[in-house]
Amino acid sequence: MSAKKAARPRRYKKPKVCPFCTGELEVTDYKDAKMLKRFMSETGKILPRRRTGVCAKHQRRLAMTIKRARIMAIVPFTEKLVRK
């Protein structure tokens, strides 16, 4: 006898839309630290595409812009890690 598992209803994720393709945001400005922090983790790492919903073309430009802002000391390379 084989026991069958109960079938779960499948959940479909809503497709993420690139905010740069829709014209909501601009990538080219490395001086906008508030916008860049939206695409970085708390520790200062660049978030991947699957988390942010940015297309491949704009993810490459975004990474380059964040790196420029790091060199210009607008955004930190890493945040101070406090362990308890």
C-alpha atoms as a PDB file:
ATOM      1  CA  MET A   1       0.000   0.000   0.000  1.00  0.00           C
ATOM      2  CA  SER A   2       1.288   3.378  -0.929  1.00  0.00           C
ATOM      3  CA  ALA A   3       0.148   6.461   0.889  1.00  0.00           C
ATOM      4  CA  LYS A   4      -0.576   9.464  -1.293  1.00  0.00           C
ATOM      5  CA  LYS A   5       0.157  12.925  -0.015  1.00  0.00           C
ATOM      6  CA  ALA A   6      -2.595  15.488  -0.051  1.00  0.00           C
ATOM      7  CA  ALA A   7      -2.345  17.739  -3.087  1.00  0.00           C
ATOM      8  CA  ARG A   8      -1.677  21.355  -2.205  1.00  0.00           C
ATOM      9  CA  PRO A   9      -3.044  24.143  -4.353  1.00  0.00           C
ATOM     10  CA  ARG A  10      -0.301  25.721  -6.423  1.00  0.00           C
ATOM     11  CA  ARG A  11       0.539  29.326  -5.731  1.00  0.00           C
ATOM     12  CA  TYR A  12       1.503  31.466  -8.659  1.00  0.00           C
ATOM     13  CA  LYS A  13       3.794  34.386  -7.996  1.00  0.00           C
ATOM     14  CA  LYS A  14       2.952  37.725  -9.472  1.00  0.00           C
ATOM     15  CA  PRO A  15       5.672  38.582 -12.018  1.00  0.00           C
ATOM     16  CA  LYS A  16       7.974  41.339 -10.841  1.00  0.00           C
ATOM     17  CA  VAL A  17       8.229  44.336 -13.135  1.00  0.00           C
ATOM     18  CA  CYS A  18      11.484  46.241 -13.501  1.00  0.00           C
ATOM     19  CA  PRO A  19      11.013  49.747 -12.014  1.00  0.00           C
ATOM     20  CA  PHE A  20      13.646  51.121 -14.400  1.00  0.00           C
ATOM     21  CA  CYS A  21      11.911  49.798 -17.546  1.00  0.00           C
ATOM     22  CA  THR A  22       8.586  51.304 -16.477  1.00  0.00           C
ATOM     23  CA  GLY A  23      10.224  54.704 -15.984  1.00  0.00           C
ATOM     24  CA  GLU A  24       9.608  54.761 -12.236  1.00  0.00           C
ATOM     25  CA  LEU A  25      13.329  55.145 -11.380  1.00  0.00           C
ATOM     26  CA  GLU A  26      16.548  56.321 -13.062  1.00  0.00           C
ATOM     27  CA  VAL A  27      19.728  54.219 -12.796  1.00  0.00           C
ATOM     28  CA  THR A  28      22.374  56.648 -13.938  1.00  0.00           C
ATOM     29  CA  ASP A  29      22.508  58.881 -10.840  1.00  0.00           C
ATOM     30  CA  TYR A  30      25.136  57.515  -8.442  1.00  0.00           C
ATOM     31  CA  LYS A  31      24.546  60.450  -6.063  1.00  0.00           C
ATOM     32  CA  ASP A  32      21.059  59.274  -5.049  1.00  0.00           C
ATOM     33  CA  ALA A  33      22.010  57.208  -1.983  1.00  0.00           C
ATOM     34  CA  LYS A  34      18.415  56.686  -0.867  1.00  0.00           C
ATOM     35  CA  MET A  35      17.513  54.963  -4.150  1.00  0.00           C
ATOM     36  CA  LEU A  36      20.685  52.859  -4.153  1.00  0.00           C
ATOM     37  CA  LYS A  37      20.106  51.650  -0.563  1.00  0.00           C
ATOM     38  CA  ARG A  38      16.815  50.148  -1.759  1.00  0.00           C
ATOM     39  CA  PHE A  39      18.844  47.657  -3.839  1.00  0.00           C
ATOM     40  CA  MET A  40      21.392  46.851  -1.108  1.00  0.00           C
ATOM     41  CA  SER A  41      21.128  44.602   1.949  1.00  0.00           C
ATOM     42  CA  GLU A  42      21.626  45.812   5.527  1.00  0.00           C
ATOM     43  CA  THR A  43      25.239  44.671   5.375  1.00  0.00           C
ATOM     44  CA  GLY A  44      25.958  46.597   2.172  1.00  0.00           C
ATOM     45  CA  LYS A  45      25.763  43.796  -0.404  1.00  0.00           C
ATOM     46  CA  ILE A  46      24.055  44.294  -3.766  1.00  0.00           C
ATOM     47  CA  LEU A  47      20.771  42.350  -3.792  1.00  0.00           C
ATOM     48  CA  PRO A  48      20.229  39.797  -6.594  1.00  0.00           C
ATOM     49  CA  ARG A  49      17.698  40.193  -9.399  1.00  0.00           C
ATOM     50  CA  ARG A  50      15.339  37.572  -8.018  1.00  0.00           C
ATOM     51  CA  ARG A  51      14.870  39.641  -4.837  1.00  0.00           C
ATOM     52  CA  THR A  52      14.532  43.074  -6.421  1.00  0.00           C
ATOM     53  CA  GLY A  53      12.739  42.261  -9.683  1.00  0.00           C
ATOM     54  CA  VAL A  54      15.139  44.263 -11.847  1.00  0.00           C
ATOM     55  CA  CYS A  55      15.812  43.079 -15.409  1.00  0.00           C
ATOM     56  CA  ALA A  56      19.306  41.862 -16.387  1.00  0.00           C
ATOM     57  CA  LYS A  57      20.227  44.996 -18.341  1.00  0.00           C
ATOM     58  CA  HIS A  58      19.358  47.334 -15.498  1.00  0.00           C
ATOM     59  CA  GLN A  59      20.891  45.040 -12.852  1.00  0.00           C
ATOM     60  CA  ARG A  60      24.265  45.409 -14.562  1.00  0.00           C
ATOM     61  CA  ARG A  61      23.911  49.200 -14.707  1.00  0.00           C
ATOM     62  CA  LEU A  62      22.695  49.283 -11.107  1.00  0.00           C
ATOM     63  CA  ALA A  63      25.708  47.269  -9.901  1.00  0.00           C
ATOM     64  CA  MET A  64      28.076  49.623 -11.721  1.00  0.00           C
ATOM     65  CA  THR A  65      26.294  52.652 -10.223  1.00  0.00           C
ATOM     66  CA  ILE A  66      26.481  51.221  -6.679  1.00  0.00           C
ATOM     67  CA  LYS A  67      30.184  50.513  -7.131  1.00  0.00           C
ATOM     68  CA  ARG A  68      30.758  54.107  -8.267  1.00  0.00           C
ATOM     69  CA  ALA A  69      28.884  55.417  -5.252  1.00  0.00           C
ATOM     70  CA  ARG A  70      31.010  53.218  -2.975  1.00  0.00           C
ATOM     71  CA  ILE A  71      34.236  54.607  -4.428  1.00  0.00           C
ATOM     72  CA  MET A  72      32.951  58.180  -4.046  1.00  0.00           C
ATOM     73  CA  ALA A  73      32.082  57.348  -0.384  1.00  0.00           C
ATOM     74  CA  ILE A  74      28.384  58.091  -0.860  1.00  0.00           C
ATOM     75  CA  VAL A  75      27.392  54.561   0.158  1.00  0.00           C
ATOM     76  CA  PRO A  76      29.526  52.424   2.494  1.00  0.00           C
ATOM     77  CA  PHE A  77      31.227  49.248   1.305  1.00  0.00           C
ATOM     78  CA  THR A  78      29.956  47.409   4.397  1.00  0.00           C
ATOM     79  CA  GLU A  79      27.890  48.285   7.405  1.00  0.00           C
ATOM     80  CA  LYS A  80      29.329  47.884  10.861  1.00  0.00           C
ATOM     81  CA  LEU A  81      28.365  44.415  12.074  1.00  0.00           C
ATOM     82  CA  VAL A  82      27.353  44.383  15.719  1.00  0.00           C
ATOM     83  CA  ARG A  83      27.202  40.974  17.384  1.00  0.00           C
ATOM     84  CA  LYS A  84      25.329  40.423  20.584  1.00  0.00           C
END
